[in-house]
């Protein structure tokens, strides 16, 4: 668990550098795309999980 906390800390520090450096709009658009992809994958996994559990 500590490993993941350190990974997320590094990601936060890198994104802060980009945000304060002027690449914020590009980073924000990439974050929006990744969020939408994550939502789609979540919905797909939920649908597959519900259909397999009913069999």
Protein backbone atom coordinates (compact mmCIF):
# COMPACT_ATOMS: atom_id res chain seq x y z
CA UNK A 1 0.00 0.00 0.00
CA UNK A 2 2.86 2.34 0.75
CA UNK A 3 4.24 1.60 -2.72
CA UNK A 4 1.05 2.85 -4.37
CA UNK A 5 0.97 5.93 -2.17
CA UNK A 6 4.49 6.82 -3.27
CA UNK A 7 3.60 6.23 -6.93
CA UNK A 8 0.60 8.56 -6.65
CA UNK A 9 2.75 11.13 -4.86
CA UNK A 10 5.20 11.11 -7.76
CA UNK A 11 2.35 11.43 -10.27
CA UNK A 12 0.94 14.37 -8.32
CA UNK A 13 4.32 16.09 -8.22
CA UNK A 14 4.85 15.65 -11.95
CA UNK A 15 1.37 16.95 -12.73
CA UNK A 16 1.97 19.94 -10.44
CA UNK A 17 5.13 20.76 -12.35
CA UNK A 18 3.21 20.58 -15.63
CA UNK A 19 0.32 22.59 -14.21
CA UNK A 20 2.53 25.37 -12.95
CA UNK A 21 4.69 25.28 -16.05
CA UNK A 22 2.00 26.25 -18.54
CA UNK A 23 1.12 22.86 -20.00
CA UNK A 24 -2.05 22.78 -17.92
CA UNK A 25 -4.51 22.81 -20.82
CA UNK A 26 -2.86 19.86 -22.53
CA UNK A 27 -2.65 17.93 -19.28
CA UNK A 28 -6.29 18.71 -18.50
CA UNK A 29 -7.48 17.48 -21.88
CA UNK A 30 -5.45 14.29 -21.52
CA UNK A 31 -6.92 13.80 -18.04
CA UNK A 32 -10.45 14.21 -19.41
CA UNK A 33 -9.81 11.61 -22.10
CA UNK A 34 -8.33 9.17 -19.59
CA UNK A 35 -11.30 9.72 -17.27
CA UNK A 36 -13.77 8.92 -20.04
CA UNK A 37 -11.81 5.80 -20.99
CA UNK A 38 -11.80 4.69 -17.34
CA UNK A 39 -15.57 5.19 -17.10
CA UNK A 40 -16.17 3.18 -20.26
CA UNK A 41 -13.97 0.35 -18.99
CA UNK A 42 -15.79 0.42 -15.64
CA UNK A 43 -19.17 0.14 -17.34
CA UNK A 44 -17.98 -2.71 -19.55
CA UNK A 45 -16.57 -4.61 -16.59
CA UNK A 46 -19.79 -4.09 -14.61
CA UNK A 47 -21.94 -5.39 -17.47
CA UNK A 48 -19.69 -8.41 -17.99
CA UNK A 49 -19.63 -9.08 -14.25
CA UNK A 50 -23.40 -8.97 -13.94
CA UNK A 51 -23.99 -11.18 -16.95
CA UNK A 52 -21.48 -13.81 -15.77
CA UNK A 53 -22.79 -13.86 -12.19
CA UNK A 54 -26.37 -14.64 -13.28
CA UNK A 55 -25.35 -17.85 -15.08
